[in-house]
Protein backbone atom coordinates (compact mmCIF):
# COMPACT_ATOMS: atom_id res chain seq x y z
CA MET A 1 75.86 55.39 -29.85
CA LYS A 2 78.52 53.15 -28.31
CA SER A 3 79.47 53.54 -24.66
CA ASP A 4 83.08 54.12 -23.61
CA ASN A 5 83.38 50.47 -22.54
CA GLU A 6 82.07 49.23 -25.90
CA ARG A 7 84.56 51.41 -27.76
CA ILE A 8 87.37 50.12 -25.55
CA GLU A 9 86.39 46.50 -26.13
CA ALA A 10 86.29 47.07 -29.88
CA PHE A 11 89.72 48.70 -29.75
CA LEU A 12 91.24 45.83 -27.78
CA LYS A 13 90.11 43.05 -30.10
CA GLY A 14 93.00 41.76 -32.13
CA VAL A 15 95.68 43.88 -30.52
CA VAL A 16 99.09 42.93 -31.88
CA LEU A 17 102.48 43.83 -30.43
CA PRO A 18 104.38 46.48 -32.42
CA GLU A 19 107.65 45.34 -33.93
CA CYS A 20 111.04 46.96 -34.38
CA GLU A 21 110.80 46.83 -38.14
CA SER A 22 107.60 48.84 -38.27
CA ASP A 23 108.13 52.41 -39.45
CA GLY A 24 105.31 53.39 -37.15
CA HIS A 25 107.03 51.99 -34.11
CA ALA A 26 108.82 54.89 -32.48
CA ARG A 27 111.79 52.93 -31.16
CA GLN A 28 113.39 53.03 -34.60
CA LEU A 29 113.46 56.81 -34.69
CA ARG A 30 115.10 57.31 -31.32
CA ALA A 31 117.56 54.54 -32.05
CA GLN A 32 118.63 56.32 -35.22
CA ILE A 33 118.97 59.64 -33.42
CA LEU A 34 120.97 58.23 -30.53
CA SER A 35 122.76 55.36 -32.24
CA ARG A 36 126.15 57.06 -32.07
CA LEU A 37 125.79 57.23 -28.30
CA GLN A 38 124.43 53.70 -27.98
CA ALA A 39 127.46 52.15 -29.63
CA GLY A 40 129.42 52.56 -26.41
CA ARG A 41 126.70 51.14 -24.20
CA ALA A 42 126.66 47.46 -25.23
CA GLY A 43 125.88 45.15 -22.38
CA ARG A 44 124.10 47.82 -20.36
CA GLY A 45 120.81 47.41 -22.17
CA THR A 46 119.81 50.35 -24.33
CA SER A 47 116.99 52.51 -23.06
CA SER A 48 113.74 52.22 -24.96
CA TRP A 49 113.31 55.11 -27.35
CA TRP A 50 109.86 56.45 -27.01
CA LYS A 51 108.37 53.57 -25.09
CA THR A 52 110.85 53.14 -22.27
CA ALA A 53 112.02 55.80 -19.86
CA ALA A 54 115.61 55.24 -18.89
CA LEU A 55 115.20 58.17 -16.55
CA LEU A 56 114.24 57.08 -13.04
CA LEU A 57 110.48 56.91 -12.73
CA GLY A 58 108.67 56.91 -9.44
CA LEU A 59 111.67 58.11 -7.44
CA LEU A 60 111.17 58.25 -3.70
CA GLY A 61 112.45 61.12 -1.64
CA ALA A 62 114.99 60.40 1.08
CA ALA A 63 115.11 61.35 4.76
CA ALA A 64 112.18 63.61 5.71
CA LEU A 65 110.66 63.19 2.24
CA ALA A 66 110.74 59.40 2.35
CA THR A 67 106.97 59.06 1.95
CA GLU A 68 106.61 61.68 -0.79
CA THR A 69 106.88 60.72 -4.46
CA ILE A 70 109.14 63.01 -6.45
CA ILE A 71 107.77 63.86 -9.88
CA GLN A 72 110.21 64.66 -12.65
CA VAL A 73 108.67 67.40 -14.75
CA ARG A 74 109.47 66.55 -18.35
CA HIS A 75 108.59 68.57 -21.43
CA TYR A 76 107.62 66.97 -24.72
CA TYR A 77 108.55 68.40 -28.11
CA PHE A 78 106.88 67.75 -31.44
CA TYR A 79 109.44 66.04 -33.66
CA GLY A 80 107.52 65.63 -36.89
CA ARG A 81 104.93 63.71 -38.87
CA ALA A 82 105.89 60.61 -40.81
CA LYS A 83 104.44 59.51 -44.12
CA ASP A 84 102.89 56.50 -42.36
CA GLY A 85 100.52 58.86 -40.54
CA PHE A 86 102.25 58.91 -37.15
CA TYR A 87 103.12 62.07 -35.25
CA TYR A 88 106.33 61.82 -33.23
CA PHE A 89 106.88 63.52 -29.88
CA SER A 90 110.03 63.33 -27.76
CA THR A 91 111.41 64.67 -24.49
CA THR A 92 114.64 65.38 -26.39
CA PRO A 93 114.57 68.59 -28.44
CA GLU A 94 116.20 68.40 -31.87
CA ASN A 95 118.96 70.80 -30.85
CA ALA A 96 119.87 68.80 -27.72
CA GLY A 97 123.50 68.17 -26.95
CA THR A 98 125.07 64.74 -26.86
CA ASN A 99 124.36 64.45 -23.13
CA GLN A 100 120.71 63.81 -23.94
CA VAL A 101 121.03 60.02 -23.84
CA ASP A 102 117.87 59.17 -21.91
CA SER A 103 114.68 60.07 -23.67
CA ILE A 104 111.02 59.21 -23.71
CA GLY A 105 108.89 59.47 -26.78
CA ILE A 106 105.54 58.60 -28.25
CA ALA A 107 104.22 57.92 -31.76
CA VAL A 108 100.60 59.05 -32.20
CA ARG A 109 98.39 58.18 -35.15
CA GLY A 110 95.69 60.59 -36.27
CA ASP A 111 94.93 63.70 -38.27
CA LEU A 112 96.13 66.64 -36.19
CA ASP A 113 96.27 70.30 -37.09
CA ALA A 114 98.59 72.76 -35.31
CA ALA A 115 96.20 73.16 -32.39
CA GLY A 116 95.74 69.39 -32.11
CA ILE A 117 99.50 68.82 -32.09
CA GLU A 118 99.94 71.33 -29.26
CA GLN A 119 97.07 69.78 -27.28
CA LYS A 120 98.55 66.30 -27.72
CA ARG A 121 101.94 67.54 -26.57
CA LYS A 122 100.38 68.93 -23.39
CA ASP A 123 98.39 65.72 -22.86
CA LEU A 124 101.57 63.66 -23.06
CA GLU A 125 103.14 65.78 -20.33
CA GLU A 126 100.07 65.32 -18.12
CA ILE A 127 100.07 61.56 -18.75
CA ASP A 128 103.78 61.36 -17.93
CA ALA A 129 103.15 63.00 -14.54
CA LEU A 130 100.15 60.74 -13.84
CA ARG A 131 102.24 57.67 -14.70
CA GLN A 132 104.94 58.68 -12.26
CA ARG A 133 102.31 59.01 -9.49
CA ASN A 134 100.65 55.78 -10.62
CA ALA A 135 97.43 57.78 -10.85
CA ARG A 136 95.91 55.51 -13.48
CA GLU A 137 93.82 52.37 -13.83
CA LEU A 138 95.12 49.10 -15.23
CA PHE A 139 92.00 47.66 -16.84
CA ARG A 140 93.28 45.09 -19.35
CA VAL A 141 96.31 42.84 -19.82
CA ILE A 142 96.89 40.91 -23.05
CA ASP A 143 99.26 38.01 -23.71
CA THR A 144 99.76 36.69 -27.24
CA GLU A 145 101.21 33.41 -28.50
CA VAL A 146 101.97 32.65 -32.15
CA ASN A 147 102.42 29.00 -33.07
CA GLY A 148 102.97 28.17 -29.42
CA LYS A 149 105.61 30.85 -28.80
CA PRO A 150 104.84 33.83 -26.52
CA VAL A 151 105.54 37.24 -28.03
CA GLY A 152 105.05 39.40 -24.95
CA ARG A 153 102.56 41.08 -22.66
CA LEU A 154 100.76 44.41 -23.11
CA PHE A 155 99.21 46.55 -20.37
CA PHE A 156 96.27 48.89 -21.01
CA TYR A 157 95.85 51.89 -18.73
CA LYS A 158 93.18 54.56 -18.38
CA TYR A 159 94.48 58.03 -17.61
CA VAL A 160 92.04 60.77 -16.57
CA LEU A 161 93.35 64.20 -17.56
CA PRO A 162 92.68 67.34 -15.45
CA ASP A 163 89.85 68.43 -17.78
CA GLY A 164 88.10 65.06 -17.37
CA ARG A 165 89.08 63.51 -20.70
CA THR A 166 90.17 59.86 -20.64
CA GLU A 167 93.17 58.56 -22.55
CA ILE A 168 93.80 54.86 -23.17
CA ILE A 169 97.53 54.07 -23.30
CA THR A 170 99.10 50.77 -24.32
CA GLU A 171 102.33 50.03 -22.44
CA THR A 172 104.86 47.22 -22.31
CA GLY A 173 105.82 47.61 -18.64
CA ASP A 174 109.11 49.37 -19.36
CA GLU A 175 107.55 52.81 -19.09
CA SER A 176 107.02 52.80 -15.32
CA ALA A 177 109.78 50.45 -14.20
CA SER A 178 111.46 51.34 -10.93
CA PRO A 179 115.25 51.72 -10.74
CA ALA A 180 115.45 48.28 -9.12
CA GLN A 181 113.29 46.76 -11.88
CA MET A 182 115.38 48.39 -14.62
CA GLU A 183 118.56 46.98 -13.09
CA ALA A 184 116.98 43.52 -12.79
CA ASP A 185 115.88 43.73 -16.42
CA ARG A 186 119.39 44.73 -17.52
CA GLN A 187 120.89 41.76 -15.71
CA GLN A 188 118.33 39.34 -17.13
CA ILE A 189 118.82 40.70 -20.67
CA ALA A 190 122.60 40.40 -20.31
CA ASP A 191 122.16 36.77 -19.26
CA LEU A 192 119.77 36.04 -22.15
CA ARG A 193 122.20 37.69 -24.57
CA GLN A 194 125.09 35.62 -23.23
CA ARG A 195 123.04 32.44 -23.76
CA GLY A 196 121.97 33.48 -27.24
CA GLN A 197 118.30 33.71 -26.24
CA ARG A 198 117.34 36.75 -28.25
CA GLU A 199 115.77 37.30 -31.63
CA ILE A 200 117.31 39.84 -34.01
CA ARG A 201 114.31 41.28 -35.80
CA ASN A 202 115.84 44.19 -37.67
CA ILE A 203 119.23 45.70 -38.47
CA ILE A 204 120.33 49.19 -39.53
CA GLU A 205 123.70 49.94 -41.11
CA VAL A 206 125.10 53.45 -41.50
CA GLU A 207 128.16 54.23 -43.65
CA VAL A 208 129.95 57.60 -43.74
CA GLY A 209 133.32 58.30 -45.30
CA GLY A 210 134.52 54.72 -45.12
CA HIS A 211 133.30 54.20 -41.53
CA SER A 212 130.43 51.81 -40.77
CA ARG A 213 128.14 51.03 -37.86
CA ARG A 214 125.51 48.32 -37.54
CA SER A 215 122.70 48.36 -34.96
CA LEU A 216 120.63 45.31 -34.08
CA CYS A 217 117.02 45.43 -32.93
CA CYS A 218 116.85 42.51 -30.49
CA ARG A 219 113.77 41.11 -28.80
CA TYR A 220 114.03 39.45 -25.41
CA LEU A 221 111.28 37.54 -23.58
CA LEU A 222 111.66 38.13 -19.83
CA SER A 223 110.68 35.71 -17.10
CA ASP A 224 107.55 37.70 -16.15
CA GLY A 225 106.15 37.44 -19.68
CA ARG A 226 107.16 40.89 -20.89
CA GLY A 227 108.68 41.11 -24.34
CA VAL A 228 111.19 43.94 -24.64
CA ASN A 229 113.02 45.37 -27.65
CA ARG A 230 116.54 46.74 -27.36
CA PHE A 231 118.76 48.33 -29.98
CA GLU A 232 122.32 47.09 -29.54
CA PRO A 233 125.55 47.58 -31.50
CA ASP A 234 126.77 44.66 -33.56
CA PRO A 235 130.16 43.69 -32.06
CA GLU A 236 131.38 42.89 -35.58
CA LEU A 237 130.61 46.42 -36.82
CA PRO A 238 130.20 48.65 -33.76
CA GLY A 239 131.32 51.94 -35.32
CA PRO A 240 131.58 54.74 -34.53
CA VAL A 241 130.79 56.83 -37.58
CA PRO A 242 131.79 60.51 -37.88
CA LEU A 243 128.34 62.05 -37.39
CA THR A 244 127.40 64.70 -34.85
CA PHE A 245 124.19 64.51 -32.86
CA LYS A 246 122.65 67.13 -35.16
CA GLN A 247 123.59 65.08 -38.23
CA GLU A 248 122.16 61.89 -36.67
CA SER A 249 118.91 63.74 -35.99
CA GLU A 250 118.72 65.05 -39.56
CA LEU A 251 119.39 61.56 -40.94
CA ALA A 252 116.59 60.17 -38.78
CA ARG A 253 114.19 62.77 -40.10
CA LEU A 254 115.11 62.11 -43.74
CA ALA A 255 115.04 58.32 -43.40
CA VAL A 256 112.18 57.66 -41.01
CA LEU A 257 109.85 60.63 -41.23
CA GLU A 258 110.28 62.06 -44.72
CA LYS A 259 111.69 58.97 -46.45
CA LYS A 260 113.80 61.17 -48.71
CA GLY A 261 116.62 59.04 -50.02
CA GLU A 262 118.02 57.68 -53.27
CA PHE A 263 117.48 53.95 -53.55
CA LEU A 264 120.78 52.19 -54.28
CA GLY A 265 119.54 48.61 -54.45
CA SER A 266 119.22 45.52 -52.29
CA THR A 267 121.92 43.47 -50.65
CA GLN A 268 122.35 40.57 -48.25
CA VAL A 269 124.58 40.30 -45.20
CA GLN A 270 125.34 37.56 -42.68
CA VAL A 271 124.81 38.57 -39.06
CA LEU A 272 125.31 36.07 -36.25
CA GLY A 273 124.56 33.11 -38.48
CA ARG A 274 121.47 34.52 -40.19
CA THR A 275 120.99 36.09 -43.61
CA PHE A 276 119.47 39.57 -43.68
CA SER A 277 118.05 41.25 -46.78
CA LEU A 278 118.73 44.98 -46.75
CA GLN A 279 117.38 47.95 -48.70
CA LYS A 280 120.14 50.53 -49.22
CA TYR A 281 119.54 54.28 -49.58
CA SER A 282 121.79 57.33 -49.94
CA PHE A 283 121.00 60.55 -48.05
CA THR A 284 122.63 63.95 -48.51
CA LEU A 285 122.52 66.07 -45.35
CA SER A 286 122.13 69.85 -45.40
CA ASP A 287 125.88 70.34 -44.89
CA GLY A 288 126.67 68.15 -47.91
CA THR A 289 127.59 65.00 -45.94
CA VAL A 290 126.59 61.86 -47.85
CA VAL A 291 125.36 58.98 -45.69
CA THR A 292 124.43 55.48 -46.82
CA ARG A 293 121.77 53.81 -44.68
CA SER A 294 120.66 50.19 -45.08
CA GLU A 295 117.85 48.47 -43.22
CA GLY A 296 116.28 45.02 -43.33
CA GLN A 297 115.02 41.89 -41.64
CA PRO A 298 116.20 38.29 -41.53
CA GLU A 299 115.14 35.81 -44.14
CA GLY A 300 112.90 33.00 -42.99
CA PRO A 301 110.29 32.88 -40.22
CA MET A 302 110.37 35.12 -37.17
CA ASN A 303 108.52 34.80 -33.88
CA GLY A 304 105.29 36.74 -34.08
CA MET A 305 103.08 37.76 -36.98
CA THR A 306 103.77 39.52 -40.24
CA ALA A 307 101.87 42.73 -41.00
CA ALA A 308 99.44 40.81 -43.22
CA GLU A 309 98.89 38.15 -40.56
CA GLY A 310 98.31 40.84 -37.96
CA ASP A 311 95.66 42.45 -40.15
CA GLU A 312 93.92 39.10 -40.68
CA PHE A 313 94.02 38.31 -36.96
CA ARG A 314 92.48 41.66 -36.07
CA GLN A 315 89.65 41.06 -38.53
CA LEU A 316 88.94 37.60 -37.12
CA ALA A 317 89.04 38.83 -33.54
CA ALA A 318 86.79 41.81 -34.27
CA ALA A 319 84.25 39.42 -35.87
CA ASN A 320 84.43 37.07 -32.83
CA LYS A 321 85.61 34.23 -35.08
CA GLY A 322 87.84 32.61 -32.50
CA GLU A 323 87.60 29.49 -30.34
CA THR A 324 87.43 30.08 -26.59
CA LEU A 325 89.86 27.70 -24.89
CA GLY A 326 89.05 28.51 -21.27
CA THR A 327 89.87 30.90 -18.45
CA TYR A 328 92.43 31.22 -15.68
CA ASP A 329 93.24 33.59 -12.81
CA GLU A 330 96.53 35.41 -12.32
CA ASP A 331 97.79 38.23 -10.11
CA VAL A 332 99.12 41.13 -12.20
CA LEU A 333 101.03 43.88 -10.40
CA GLY A 334 99.45 42.80 -7.13
CA LYS A 335 95.85 42.69 -8.39
CA PRO A 336 93.74 39.64 -9.39
CA PHE A 337 92.88 39.32 -13.08
CA LYS A 338 90.78 36.74 -14.92
CA PHE A 339 92.11 35.79 -18.35
CA THR A 340 90.14 34.32 -21.26
CA ARG A 341 92.11 32.42 -23.90
CA VAL A 342 90.89 32.64 -27.51
CA LYS A 343 92.44 30.84 -30.49
CA CYS A 344 92.31 32.01 -34.10
CA VAL A 345 93.75 30.04 -37.03
CA LEU A 346 94.81 32.22 -39.94
CA SER A 347 94.45 31.32 -43.60
CA ASP A 348 98.14 30.29 -43.84
CA GLY A 349 97.77 27.95 -40.86
CA THR A 350 99.33 30.29 -38.29
CA GLU A 351 97.79 29.67 -34.88
CA VAL A 352 97.32 32.72 -32.66
CA ILE A 353 96.20 32.46 -29.04
CA GLN A 354 95.39 35.69 -27.28
CA SER A 355 94.69 35.80 -23.56
CA MET A 356 92.82 38.90 -22.37
CA GLY A 357 92.81 39.63 -18.67
CA LYS A 358 90.24 41.74 -16.83
CA PRO A 359 90.26 42.73 -13.14
CA GLY A 360 88.33 40.47 -10.83
CA GLY A 361 89.98 37.06 -10.75
CA GLN A 362 90.29 34.93 -7.63
CA ARG A 363 93.35 35.19 -5.42
């Protein structure tokens, strides 16, 4: 029987960053739900749906409470199960008003019954509180490069729940950012956007009654190695569209979770100098409103790996079929880590270098 450490090591081999275009990546769902609100927030940096808390985490009390951490008690709600096997949970209930702009959410893979869903919901609330207190252990950090280009850093934390169970959570660094860090990130993203240093990985168009809105899933590589995804309105087609929050939520459920739409065909559009291939679907909401929703990715190569390349890389890494390039030490969040660089060459020639860091490097 494998020990906990052996299971963790097996899990970590071949970890690949999730992408905006993945149906299993929860950012897409929150972006669809809140896209009407996001259209007016260009330039501010859209909060991560499900993986980034735009609410202030780790707030410090003022005056007499200056040394006491204030914990925001947040409740998670089960949103639904998608056909891709993910269960979606959100801090925004489906019947929330339009003031519910900031939300946290999680996509969980598994086979959960009603009792398992309720237990997972409670676990997420416990983990959220532990994260705010920083009562967790950072035990791995992974950097990945594809064909010489970095695609971002992942942090792996152990959370010990009150009943003694251990949860392993993969995070991008957005989840526990302080207010100062969030503001610094917004400024850096605005600068990168101004200089055209972003990659548009996915677009979503929504058409209702002659009104259209296009959202862009943009990836930014920050100076500290973190790769962050932000949904932003396309200035050429910013909207708005005449949909209420409830209608946006229903559209998200039909399109992302249930995938209940009538396929209308494929089309191509030009966005900021690149050609995107879109799949167009028609959805009829419960009140009779007909919405056309199109989604797609750019033609040509993108930074990172395709789904097939990711699967091949995971298989190679799990079988230890990589070339060790060496080690180096780096401080991560104030603690020394030792990184080991391993290179895998895929069957199509794609070169992937993954650097896994463990605590214990030299300062």
